[in-house]
Each structure stands twice: as structure tokens, then as C-alpha cells.
């Protein structure tokens, strides 16, 4: 009877372990790929430039940030260049966004927002706070 109970406990432990590990899930794409393929060159705070495709900001193809007391949304279609202007207030970083029209807009983006994309060698993720410059093609 003791052997039988040990066997049941062993099978139960294996079952629980398999369930907790997810049965060896195949890794999926961590980075969403938007329908519109925005290409950009991203330079980080260590001056390393990475070219990405299917760029998005947390899965969205627009920047949403604060401008003064208001909230502004700017589509990637309208953006030529984004430059970090230093730390802002309340967990935000200040950016200067140059539009394709030539207009320049100052926007504060949340530090924990992530720019996502796909490179020729894998996926790419970077926190907004670590971005020095983005140049859209």
C-alpha cells in the first residue's frame, strides 16, 4: 500500500510540475507587428543605433503624451524625428517631435512606455527613458 501511495504522489507531483511549466509552450512573438510597417532608426543613450521595422509604442502606431496640462496623440505617419530633451516631471521624459511638415512639438512621454520593433536578427524593445533619438524613414 505504501508503494502505491508513493507512486500516486509521484504522478501528482509530475502533473503539477507539467501544469506549472506550461507544458513547454512555443515562444510567440513578444513584439506586436502593426499592419502598417513603420521603419525607424533608434539611437539609445549609449549611442547605439538599431534599425527596426514594424515600429510601435506599446503596440500602438502613435505617440500619446502630455503637452502642458493636455494630452496629445501624434500618428507615426506624421513624424520625421523624435529627440530626447531630458527628464520631465512625474515619471515622464521630455521629447521634441519633428513632424514631416517641419513643425516641432514638445511632448512628455511616460518613462515606462516601450518602443517595439523587429530587426533583421530578432525583436527589439526599449524603454522611452533610454531613447536618445528616433528617425523615421
Protein backbone atom coordinates (compact mmCIF):
# COMPACT_ATOMS: atom_id res chain seq x y z
CA UNK A 1 0.00 0.00 0.00
CA UNK A 2 2.91 2.36 0.79
CA UNK A 3 4.42 1.77 -2.64
CA UNK A 4 1.10 2.53 -4.26
CA UNK A 5 0.77 5.85 -2.35
CA UNK A 6 4.32 6.86 -3.31
CA UNK A 7 3.51 6.18 -6.94
CA UNK A 8 0.35 8.33 -6.74
CA UNK A 9 2.28 11.16 -5.05
CA UNK A 10 4.98 10.95 -7.71
CA UNK A 11 2.43 11.13 -10.54
CA UNK A 12 0.65 14.02 -8.82
CA UNK A 13 3.92 15.92 -8.46
CA UNK A 14 4.78 15.36 -12.12
CA UNK A 15 1.30 16.50 -13.16
CA UNK A 16 1.55 19.70 -11.08
CA UNK A 17 5.05 20.42 -12.41
CA UNK A 18 3.90 19.98 -16.03
CA UNK A 19 0.91 22.26 -15.46
CA UNK A 20 3.02 24.97 -13.81
CA UNK A 21 5.64 24.99 -16.56
CA UNK A 22 3.04 25.43 -19.28
CA UNK A 23 3.76 22.13 -20.98
CA UNK A 24 6.64 23.63 -22.96
CA UNK A 25 4.84 26.46 -24.74
CA UNK A 26 6.36 27.55 -28.01
CA UNK A 27 7.55 31.16 -27.68
CA UNK A 28 5.38 33.58 -29.61
CA UNK A 29 6.29 36.99 -30.90
CA UNK A 30 6.79 39.33 -27.94
CA UNK A 31 6.52 42.30 -30.24
CA UNK A 32 3.24 43.06 -31.99
CA UNK A 33 3.58 43.76 -35.71
CA UNK A 34 1.20 46.52 -36.80
CA UNK A 35 -0.39 46.33 -40.25
CA UNK A 36 1.44 49.50 -41.33
CA UNK A 37 5.19 48.89 -41.43
CA UNK A 38 6.90 51.95 -39.95
CA UNK A 39 10.67 51.75 -40.30
CA UNK A 40 12.94 53.71 -37.98
CA UNK A 41 16.50 54.06 -36.73
CA UNK A 42 16.59 54.18 -32.93
CA UNK A 43 19.62 55.60 -31.11
CA UNK A 44 19.80 54.80 -27.41
CA UNK A 45 21.52 56.62 -24.54
CA UNK A 46 24.71 54.62 -25.24
CA UNK A 47 24.79 55.93 -28.84
CA UNK A 48 23.95 52.52 -30.30
CA UNK A 49 21.71 52.78 -33.36
CA UNK A 50 19.31 49.97 -34.21
CA UNK A 51 17.23 49.84 -37.39
CA UNK A 52 13.75 48.45 -36.80
CA UNK A 53 10.68 47.61 -38.84
CA UNK A 54 7.06 47.41 -37.66
CA UNK A 55 7.77 50.09 -35.06
CA UNK A 56 5.14 50.66 -32.39
CA UNK A 57 4.85 52.30 -29.00
CA UNK A 58 3.42 49.63 -26.70
CA UNK A 59 1.67 48.14 -29.73
CA UNK A 60 0.26 51.47 -30.99
CA UNK A 61 1.40 53.38 -34.07
CA UNK A 62 1.12 56.77 -32.43
CA UNK A 63 2.70 58.72 -29.59
CA UNK A 64 0.40 59.68 -26.73
CA UNK A 65 1.90 62.09 -24.25
CA UNK A 66 1.29 65.25 -22.32
CA UNK A 67 1.76 68.76 -23.61
CA UNK A 68 1.31 71.15 -20.73
CA UNK A 69 -1.88 70.10 -18.97
CA UNK A 70 -3.32 68.47 -22.09
CA UNK A 71 -2.88 65.11 -23.76
CA UNK A 72 -1.74 64.92 -27.38
CA UNK A 73 -1.71 62.00 -29.82
CA UNK A 74 0.59 62.09 -32.86
CA UNK A 75 0.46 59.38 -35.53
CA UNK A 76 3.76 57.85 -36.65
CA UNK A 77 2.73 58.80 -40.22
CA UNK A 78 3.27 62.47 -39.36
CA UNK A 79 6.60 62.06 -37.53
CA UNK A 80 10.05 62.51 -39.06
CA UNK A 81 12.22 62.66 -35.94
CA UNK A 82 11.95 62.31 -32.14
CA UNK A 83 14.68 63.69 -29.86
CA UNK A 84 15.03 63.20 -26.10
CA UNK A 85 15.26 66.55 -24.30
CA UNK A 86 15.86 65.16 -20.82
CA UNK A 87 13.88 64.12 -17.78
CA UNK A 88 10.47 65.61 -17.24
CA UNK A 89 8.28 65.53 -14.15
CA UNK A 90 6.16 62.77 -12.64
CA UNK A 91 7.91 59.80 -14.27
CA UNK A 92 7.99 61.28 -17.77
CA UNK A 93 10.70 62.18 -20.28
CA UNK A 94 10.52 65.29 -22.46
CA UNK A 95 10.80 64.84 -26.23
CA UNK A 96 10.91 67.15 -29.22
CA UNK A 97 8.93 65.64 -32.10
CA UNK A 98 9.67 67.00 -35.57
CA UNK A 99 6.81 66.43 -37.97
CA UNK A 100 7.16 65.77 -41.70
CA UNK A 101 5.58 69.20 -42.24
CA UNK A 102 8.54 70.79 -40.42
CA UNK A 103 6.55 71.73 -37.30
CA UNK A 104 8.10 70.87 -33.94
CA UNK A 105 6.02 69.71 -30.96
CA UNK A 106 7.23 69.29 -27.37
CA UNK A 107 5.69 66.21 -25.72
CA UNK A 108 6.33 64.34 -22.46
CA UNK A 109 6.10 60.54 -22.71
CA UNK A 110 5.84 58.09 -19.79
CA UNK A 111 9.22 56.62 -18.79
CA UNK A 112 7.80 53.09 -18.75
CA UNK A 113 6.42 53.22 -22.31
CA UNK A 114 8.27 50.87 -24.66
CA UNK A 115 9.20 51.31 -28.29
CA UNK A 116 8.90 47.94 -30.00
CA UNK A 117 10.06 46.66 -33.36
CA UNK A 118 11.59 43.90 -35.40
CA UNK A 119 15.22 43.83 -36.55
CA UNK A 120 16.91 41.60 -39.11
CA UNK A 121 18.19 39.49 -36.20
CA UNK A 122 15.22 39.40 -33.81
CA UNK A 123 12.82 41.53 -31.81
CA UNK A 124 13.65 44.89 -30.23
CA UNK A 125 12.25 46.58 -27.12
CA UNK A 126 13.48 49.74 -25.43
CA UNK A 127 12.07 51.93 -22.69
CA UNK A 128 11.33 55.50 -23.75
CA UNK A 129 13.60 56.81 -21.00
CA UNK A 130 16.57 55.10 -22.74
CA UNK A 131 15.89 56.55 -26.19
CA UNK A 132 18.10 59.39 -27.38
CA UNK A 133 16.67 59.77 -30.89
CA UNK A 134 14.30 58.11 -33.37
CA UNK A 135 14.47 58.81 -37.11
CA UNK A 136 11.52 57.54 -39.14
CA UNK A 137 12.04 56.64 -42.81
